[in-house]
Protein backbone atom coordinates (compact mmCIF):
# COMPACT_ATOMS: atom_id res chain seq x y z
CA MET A 1 21.18 8.48 -23.60
CA ASP A 2 24.69 9.45 -24.54
CA ALA A 3 26.24 12.85 -25.29
CA ILE A 4 25.71 12.54 -29.05
CA GLU A 5 21.99 11.76 -28.66
CA ALA A 6 21.59 14.60 -26.16
CA THR A 7 23.32 17.01 -28.54
CA GLU A 8 21.00 15.95 -31.37
CA ALA A 9 17.92 16.45 -29.19
CA LEU A 10 19.10 19.82 -27.95
CA ALA A 11 19.98 20.91 -31.50
CA ALA A 12 16.47 19.97 -32.64
CA LEU A 13 15.01 22.13 -29.87
CA SER A 14 17.37 25.05 -30.52
CA GLN A 15 15.13 26.48 -33.24
CA ILE A 16 12.12 28.50 -32.02
CA THR A 17 9.45 26.87 -34.21
CA ARG A 18 10.62 23.39 -33.25
CA LEU A 19 10.74 24.33 -29.57
CA GLU A 20 7.20 25.74 -29.75
CA THR A 21 6.07 22.65 -31.68
CA PHE A 22 7.52 20.30 -29.10
CA ARG A 23 5.94 22.24 -26.23
CA LEU A 24 2.58 22.18 -28.03
CA LEU A 25 2.85 18.42 -28.50
CA VAL A 26 3.73 17.96 -24.83
CA ARG A 27 0.60 19.93 -23.85
CA HIS A 28 -1.52 17.61 -26.02
CA GLU A 29 -0.30 14.33 -24.63
CA PRO A 30 -1.41 11.58 -24.80
CA ASP A 31 -3.67 12.27 -27.80
CA GLY A 32 -1.25 14.21 -29.97
CA LEU A 33 -2.22 16.52 -32.82
CA PRO A 34 -2.51 16.17 -36.59
CA ALA A 35 0.38 17.80 -38.45
CA GLY A 36 -1.96 20.29 -40.13
CA GLU A 37 -3.38 21.36 -36.77
CA VAL A 38 0.12 21.89 -35.38
CA ALA A 39 0.90 24.09 -38.39
CA ARG A 40 -2.36 26.02 -38.00
CA ARG A 41 -1.93 26.65 -34.27
CA LEU A 42 1.60 27.94 -34.73
CA GLY A 43 0.87 29.88 -37.92
CA VAL A 44 3.47 27.99 -39.95
CA PRO A 45 3.01 26.77 -43.56
CA GLN A 46 2.31 23.03 -43.64
CA ASN A 47 5.35 22.16 -45.75
CA THR A 48 7.59 24.09 -43.35
CA MET A 49 5.96 22.37 -40.36
CA SER A 50 6.54 18.98 -41.98
CA ALA A 51 10.26 19.73 -42.11
CA HIS A 52 10.29 20.81 -38.45
CA LEU A 53 8.36 17.71 -37.36
CA ALA A 54 10.81 15.54 -39.29
CA VAL A 55 13.74 17.08 -37.38
CA LEU A 56 12.00 16.43 -34.06
CA ALA A 57 11.25 12.85 -35.11
CA ARG A 58 14.87 12.19 -36.17
CA ALA A 59 16.00 13.48 -32.78
CA GLY A 60 13.60 11.03 -31.11
CA LEU A 61 11.49 13.80 -29.56
CA ALA A 62 8.33 13.18 -31.60
CA THR A 63 6.57 10.15 -32.97
CA SER A 64 3.92 9.90 -35.65
CA VAL A 65 1.17 7.52 -36.61
CA ARG A 66 -1.10 7.61 -39.63
CA HIS A 67 -4.77 7.87 -38.72
CA SER A 68 -6.90 7.74 -41.85
CA ARG A 69 -5.65 10.63 -44.00
CA SER A 70 -3.94 12.48 -41.14
CA ILE A 71 -0.59 11.99 -39.48
CA ILE A 72 -0.88 12.42 -35.73
CA TYR A 73 2.25 13.63 -33.94
CA ARG A 74 3.00 13.08 -30.28
CA ALA A 75 5.81 14.17 -28.02
CA ASP A 76 7.98 11.28 -26.93
CA LEU A 77 7.88 11.81 -23.18
CA ASP A 78 10.25 8.90 -22.55
CA ARG A 79 12.86 10.66 -24.67
CA LEU A 80 12.20 13.93 -22.81
CA ARG A 81 12.73 12.06 -19.54
CA GLU A 82 15.99 10.58 -20.86
CA LEU A 83 17.22 14.00 -21.96
CA THR A 84 16.29 15.61 -18.65
CA LEU A 85 17.99 12.83 -16.69
CA PHE A 86 21.08 13.09 -18.90
CA LEU A 87 21.29 16.81 -18.11
CA VAL A 88 20.88 16.47 -14.35
CA THR A 89 22.53 13.12 -13.60
CA ASP A 90 25.29 13.72 -11.07
CA CYS A 91 23.68 17.07 -10.34
CA CYS A 92 25.58 19.21 -7.90
CA GLY A 93 28.27 16.65 -7.19
CA GLY A 94 25.92 14.38 -5.27
CA LYS A 95 24.76 17.10 -2.87
CA SER A 96 21.03 16.44 -2.94
CA GLU A 97 20.20 19.64 -1.10
CA LEU A 98 21.51 21.64 -4.07
CA CYS A 99 19.27 19.74 -6.52
CA ALA A 100 16.17 19.93 -4.31
CA PRO A 101 14.99 23.29 -5.74
CA LEU A 102 15.19 21.91 -9.28
CA ILE A 103 13.19 18.82 -8.36
CA ALA A 104 10.68 20.91 -6.42
CA ALA A 105 10.17 23.21 -9.42
CA LEU A 106 9.50 20.25 -11.73
CA THR A 107 7.17 18.32 -9.44
CA PRO A 108 4.05 20.57 -9.49
CA CYS A 109 3.78 20.47 -13.30
CA CYS A 110 3.61 16.69 -13.20
CA LEU A 111 1.06 16.17 -10.43
CA PRO A 112 -2.45 14.97 -11.29
CA GLU A 113 -5.00 17.80 -11.18
CA LYS A 114 -6.68 16.36 -8.06
CA ALA A 115 -3.39 16.45 -6.16
CA MET A 116 -2.86 20.11 -7.07
CA SER A 117 -6.25 21.33 -5.77
């Protein structure tokens, strides 16, 4: 990921409805959600949600696939990983002890449920 791509992704997430949409899609990985269900859960008109989903897709943060009459949207976790790595690469001037709290804070959310209990 380069600076232009990162800026586009961050710009897409800088609007509250799109940020909430992306977070909702992340919570529903790997199955995704139909566009209408995303709109319903967030209380946004479907035509407005379509525009927000299009912005996220152009930024590479969401993907879609047609399933019968529905369009299922998913968060692109690879793109999220790329964005996160872009933001923290060269973190703290190579002093790993300064980045350790950041890594420790991210790790529990990504552990399988069995590992957390």
